[in-house]
N, C-alpha and C. Protein backbone atom coordinates (compact mmCIF):
# COMPACT_ATOMS: atom_id res chain seq x y z
N UNK A 1 0.46 8.15 -3.45
CA UNK A 1 -0.42 8.21 -4.61
C UNK A 1 -1.85 8.10 -4.13
N UNK A 2 -2.76 8.97 -4.62
CA UNK A 2 -4.15 8.92 -4.18
C UNK A 2 -4.79 7.59 -4.56
N UNK A 3 -5.71 7.13 -3.73
CA UNK A 3 -6.37 5.86 -4.03
C UNK A 3 -7.20 5.99 -5.30
N UNK A 4 -7.24 4.92 -6.07
CA UNK A 4 -8.01 4.92 -7.30
C UNK A 4 -7.26 5.46 -8.51
N UNK A 5 -6.02 5.92 -8.32
CA UNK A 5 -5.27 6.41 -9.47
C UNK A 5 -4.18 5.41 -9.82
N UNK A 6 -3.81 5.38 -11.08
CA UNK A 6 -2.76 4.46 -11.52
C UNK A 6 -1.48 5.24 -11.76
N UNK A 7 -0.33 4.58 -11.67
CA UNK A 7 0.93 5.29 -11.90
C UNK A 7 1.02 5.79 -13.34
N UNK A 8 1.62 6.93 -13.51
CA UNK A 8 1.78 7.51 -14.84
C UNK A 8 3.10 7.05 -15.43
N UNK A 9 3.14 6.79 -16.75
CA UNK A 9 4.41 6.42 -17.36
C UNK A 9 5.35 7.62 -17.39
N UNK A 10 6.63 7.34 -17.46
CA UNK A 10 7.62 8.41 -17.54
C UNK A 10 7.41 9.20 -18.82
N UNK A 11 7.63 10.54 -18.79
CA UNK A 11 7.46 11.34 -20.00
C UNK A 11 8.37 10.81 -21.10
N UNK A 12 7.82 10.70 -22.30
CA UNK A 12 8.59 10.25 -23.44
C UNK A 12 8.69 8.74 -23.57
N UNK A 13 8.07 7.99 -22.66
CA UNK A 13 8.17 6.54 -22.76
C UNK A 13 7.18 6.02 -23.79
N UNK A 14 7.53 4.93 -24.40
CA UNK A 14 6.64 4.31 -25.37
C UNK A 14 5.67 3.41 -24.61
N UNK A 15 4.45 3.39 -25.06
CA UNK A 15 3.44 2.58 -24.40
C UNK A 15 2.86 1.61 -25.42
N UNK A 16 3.50 0.45 -25.65
CA UNK A 16 3.05 -0.46 -26.68
C UNK A 16 1.69 -1.05 -26.41
N UNK A 17 1.23 -1.02 -25.16
CA UNK A 17 -0.06 -1.62 -24.83
C UNK A 17 -1.18 -0.58 -24.83
N UNK A 18 -0.96 0.56 -25.45
CA UNK A 18 -1.98 1.62 -25.47
C UNK A 18 -3.22 1.12 -26.18
N UNK A 19 -4.37 1.47 -25.64
CA UNK A 19 -5.63 1.08 -26.23
C UNK A 19 -5.94 1.89 -27.48
N UNK A 20 -7.08 1.62 -28.12
CA UNK A 20 -7.39 2.31 -29.38
C UNK A 20 -7.60 3.81 -29.22
N UNK A 21 -7.90 4.28 -28.01
CA UNK A 21 -8.14 5.71 -27.81
C UNK A 21 -7.00 6.41 -27.10
N UNK A 22 -5.89 5.70 -26.88
CA UNK A 22 -4.74 6.28 -26.20
C UNK A 22 -3.62 6.50 -27.22
N UNK A 23 -3.03 7.66 -27.19
CA UNK A 23 -1.93 7.96 -28.10
C UNK A 23 -0.62 7.41 -27.53
N UNK A 24 0.24 6.94 -28.42
CA UNK A 24 1.57 6.53 -28.00
C UNK A 24 2.44 7.78 -28.02
N UNK A 25 3.08 8.07 -26.90
CA UNK A 25 3.88 9.28 -26.76
C UNK A 25 5.30 8.98 -27.22
N UNK A 26 5.75 9.71 -28.25
CA UNK A 26 7.11 9.55 -28.74
C UNK A 26 7.88 10.83 -28.45
N UNK A 27 9.11 10.70 -27.97
CA UNK A 27 9.91 11.89 -27.68
C UNK A 27 10.16 12.71 -28.93
N UNK A 28 10.23 14.00 -28.75
CA UNK A 28 10.49 14.91 -29.86
C UNK A 28 11.75 15.71 -29.55
N UNK A 29 12.48 16.03 -30.59
CA UNK A 29 13.66 16.88 -30.46
C UNK A 29 13.29 18.31 -30.84
N UNK A 30 13.95 19.27 -30.23
CA UNK A 30 13.72 20.68 -30.53
C UNK A 30 14.58 21.10 -31.71
N UNK A 31 14.00 21.79 -32.67
CA UNK A 31 14.72 22.39 -33.79
C UNK A 31 14.80 23.87 -33.45
N UNK A 32 16.01 24.37 -33.22
CA UNK A 32 16.19 25.71 -32.68
C UNK A 32 17.15 26.54 -33.51
N UNK A 33 16.99 27.87 -33.40
CA UNK A 33 17.97 28.84 -33.87
C UNK A 33 18.62 29.39 -32.60
N UNK A 34 19.94 29.41 -32.58
CA UNK A 34 20.65 29.85 -31.38
C UNK A 34 21.09 31.31 -31.46
N UNK A 35 20.30 32.13 -32.14
CA UNK A 35 20.62 33.55 -32.25
C UNK A 35 20.33 34.31 -30.96
N UNK A 36 19.56 33.73 -30.07
CA UNK A 36 19.18 34.36 -28.81
C UNK A 36 19.42 33.39 -27.66
N UNK A 37 19.36 33.91 -26.46
CA UNK A 37 19.43 33.06 -25.29
C UNK A 37 18.22 33.38 -24.42
N UNK A 38 17.25 32.53 -24.26
CA UNK A 38 17.20 31.15 -24.73
C UNK A 38 16.97 31.07 -26.25
N UNK A 39 17.27 29.90 -26.80
CA UNK A 39 17.17 29.68 -28.25
C UNK A 39 15.73 29.85 -28.73
N UNK A 40 15.58 30.20 -30.00
CA UNK A 40 14.27 30.38 -30.62
C UNK A 40 13.81 29.02 -31.15
N UNK A 41 12.65 28.57 -30.73
CA UNK A 41 12.12 27.29 -31.19
C UNK A 41 11.55 27.45 -32.59
N UNK A 42 12.10 26.70 -33.55
CA UNK A 42 11.60 26.71 -34.92
C UNK A 42 10.55 25.63 -35.13
N UNK A 43 10.68 24.55 -34.41
CA UNK A 43 9.75 23.43 -34.53
C UNK A 43 10.26 22.27 -33.72
N UNK A 44 9.58 21.14 -33.82
CA UNK A 44 10.04 19.91 -33.18
C UNK A 44 10.04 18.82 -34.24
N UNK A 45 10.82 17.77 -33.99
CA UNK A 45 10.82 16.63 -34.91
C UNK A 45 11.05 15.36 -34.13
N UNK A 46 10.64 14.24 -34.73
CA UNK A 46 10.88 12.94 -34.11
C UNK A 46 11.63 12.06 -35.10
N UNK A 47 11.99 10.88 -34.64
CA UNK A 47 12.79 10.00 -35.49
C UNK A 47 11.97 9.22 -36.50
N UNK A 48 10.66 9.46 -36.55
CA UNK A 48 9.84 8.90 -37.61
C UNK A 48 9.88 9.80 -38.84
N UNK A 49 10.59 10.94 -38.74
CA UNK A 49 10.72 11.85 -39.88
C UNK A 49 9.65 12.91 -39.95
N UNK A 50 8.93 13.13 -38.87
CA UNK A 50 7.85 14.11 -38.86
C UNK A 50 8.31 15.40 -38.17
N UNK A 51 8.08 16.53 -38.84
CA UNK A 51 8.42 17.85 -38.30
C UNK A 51 7.12 18.55 -37.95
N UNK A 52 7.06 19.18 -36.78
CA UNK A 52 5.87 19.92 -36.34
C UNK A 52 6.25 21.37 -36.16
N UNK A 53 5.53 22.26 -36.84
CA UNK A 53 5.79 23.69 -36.77
C UNK A 53 4.48 24.40 -36.44
N UNK A 54 4.51 25.27 -35.44
CA UNK A 54 3.34 26.07 -35.09
C UNK A 54 3.55 27.47 -35.64
N UNK A 55 2.59 27.95 -36.41
CA UNK A 55 2.65 29.30 -36.94
C UNK A 55 1.31 29.98 -36.66
N UNK A 56 1.36 30.95 -35.79
CA UNK A 56 0.16 31.65 -35.31
C UNK A 56 -0.84 30.65 -34.76
N UNK A 57 -2.01 30.51 -35.39
CA UNK A 57 -3.02 29.60 -34.88
C UNK A 57 -3.08 28.29 -35.66
N UNK A 58 -2.03 27.98 -36.42
CA UNK A 58 -2.01 26.76 -37.23
C UNK A 58 -0.82 25.89 -36.86
N UNK A 59 -1.00 24.59 -37.02
CA UNK A 59 0.08 23.63 -36.83
C UNK A 59 0.35 22.95 -38.16
N UNK A 60 1.61 22.87 -38.54
CA UNK A 60 2.02 22.22 -39.77
C UNK A 60 2.73 20.93 -39.39
N UNK A 61 2.33 19.83 -40.01
CA UNK A 61 2.96 18.53 -39.80
C UNK A 61 3.57 18.12 -41.14
N UNK A 62 4.88 18.06 -41.18
CA UNK A 62 5.61 17.89 -42.43
C UNK A 62 6.50 16.67 -42.31
N UNK A 63 6.68 15.94 -43.39
CA UNK A 63 7.59 14.81 -43.40
C UNK A 63 8.69 15.06 -44.42
N UNK A 64 9.92 14.73 -44.03
CA UNK A 64 11.04 14.86 -44.96
C UNK A 64 11.86 16.12 -44.74
N UNK A 65 12.04 16.90 -45.81
CA UNK A 65 12.90 18.09 -45.79
C UNK A 65 12.05 19.35 -45.70
N UNK A 66 12.45 20.27 -44.83
CA UNK A 66 11.71 21.52 -44.66
C UNK A 66 12.70 22.65 -44.40
N UNK A 67 12.34 23.84 -44.86
CA UNK A 67 13.15 25.04 -44.61
C UNK A 67 12.26 26.08 -43.95
N UNK A 68 12.83 26.82 -43.02
CA UNK A 68 12.09 27.90 -42.36
C UNK A 68 13.06 29.04 -42.05
N UNK A 69 12.49 30.19 -41.77
CA UNK A 69 13.28 31.37 -41.44
C UNK A 69 13.04 31.73 -39.99
N UNK A 70 14.13 32.00 -39.26
CA UNK A 70 14.01 32.39 -37.86
C UNK A 70 13.28 33.73 -37.79
N UNK A 71 12.24 33.82 -36.96
CA UNK A 71 11.49 35.08 -36.85
C UNK A 71 12.27 36.20 -36.15
N UNK A 72 13.35 35.87 -35.46
CA UNK A 72 14.12 36.88 -34.74
C UNK A 72 15.30 37.43 -35.54
N UNK A 73 16.08 36.54 -36.19
CA UNK A 73 17.28 37.01 -36.88
C UNK A 73 17.19 36.94 -38.40
N UNK A 74 16.19 36.24 -38.94
CA UNK A 74 16.01 36.17 -40.38
C UNK A 74 16.85 35.11 -41.08
N UNK A 75 17.63 34.34 -40.34
CA UNK A 75 18.46 33.31 -40.94
C UNK A 75 17.60 32.13 -41.38
N UNK A 76 17.91 31.56 -42.56
CA UNK A 76 17.16 30.40 -43.03
C UNK A 76 17.80 29.12 -42.50
N UNK A 77 16.95 28.21 -42.05
CA UNK A 77 17.39 26.91 -41.52
C UNK A 77 16.74 25.81 -42.34
N UNK A 78 17.49 24.76 -42.64
CA UNK A 78 16.98 23.62 -43.39
C UNK A 78 17.13 22.39 -42.51
N UNK A 79 16.08 21.60 -42.44
CA UNK A 79 16.11 20.34 -41.69
C UNK A 79 15.74 19.23 -42.65
N UNK A 80 16.64 18.28 -42.83
CA UNK A 80 16.41 17.14 -43.72
C UNK A 80 16.42 15.89 -42.86
N UNK A 81 15.28 15.22 -42.78
CA UNK A 81 15.16 14.07 -41.89
C UNK A 81 15.31 12.74 -42.58
N UNK A 82 16.12 12.70 -43.63
CA UNK A 82 16.52 11.42 -44.20
C UNK A 82 17.59 10.91 -43.23
N UNK A 83 17.15 10.19 -42.21
CA UNK A 83 18.02 9.85 -41.09
C UNK A 83 19.02 8.77 -41.45
N UNK A 84 20.27 9.10 -41.27
CA UNK A 84 21.38 8.19 -41.46
C UNK A 84 21.56 7.40 -40.16
N UNK A 85 21.72 6.08 -40.22
CA UNK A 85 21.90 5.30 -39.00
C UNK A 85 23.07 5.79 -38.13
N UNK A 86 24.12 6.33 -38.74
CA UNK A 86 25.24 6.86 -37.95
C UNK A 86 24.81 8.10 -37.16
N UNK A 87 23.91 8.90 -37.73
CA UNK A 87 23.39 10.07 -37.03
C UNK A 87 22.53 9.64 -35.83
N UNK A 88 21.70 8.62 -36.02
CA UNK A 88 20.83 8.15 -34.95
C UNK A 88 21.66 7.68 -33.75
N UNK A 89 22.84 7.09 -34.01
CA UNK A 89 23.70 6.63 -32.92
C UNK A 89 24.20 7.78 -32.05
N UNK A 90 24.26 8.99 -32.58
CA UNK A 90 24.76 10.13 -31.82
C UNK A 90 23.69 10.75 -30.93
N UNK A 91 22.44 10.39 -31.13
CA UNK A 91 21.34 11.00 -30.38
C UNK A 91 21.18 10.36 -29.01
N UNK A 92 20.81 11.16 -28.01
CA UNK A 92 20.55 10.59 -26.69
C UNK A 92 19.20 9.91 -26.68
N UNK A 93 18.97 9.14 -25.68
CA UNK A 93 17.64 8.60 -25.50
C UNK A 93 17.52 7.15 -25.87
N UNK A 94 16.29 6.70 -26.01
CA UNK A 94 16.01 5.27 -26.16
C UNK A 94 16.32 4.71 -27.54
N UNK A 95 16.81 5.52 -28.47
CA UNK A 95 17.05 5.02 -29.82
C UNK A 95 18.38 4.31 -29.96
N UNK A 96 19.25 4.47 -29.00
CA UNK A 96 20.54 3.80 -29.06
C UNK A 96 20.39 2.37 -28.53
N UNK A 97 20.88 1.39 -29.29
CA UNK A 97 20.78 0.01 -28.83
C UNK A 97 21.51 -0.18 -27.50
N UNK A 98 21.00 -1.05 -26.68
CA UNK A 98 21.65 -1.38 -25.42
C UNK A 98 21.31 -0.45 -24.27
N UNK A 99 20.36 0.45 -24.45
CA UNK A 99 19.96 1.35 -23.35
C UNK A 99 18.62 0.95 -22.81
């Protein structure tokens, strides 16, 4: 590591000691349509219930339930982030107790 630099946290790790000008990085899940290989990215979401969708030069930040249409196949997809605790247990990552 070069002198004068500090170690970087692992990607997706929470940084509870972040200062007022540092963002806390929370992992995001990919919302995809599997009509193609590789899959078409429809947006991303996190377990706080926030959905992020990029459309052309705009970013949409939505909370709760959202519907979108795949730009490749035309199929409509609905994402409802009223998260059930049983659903959260099935997800990988730091949200499962005991990890």
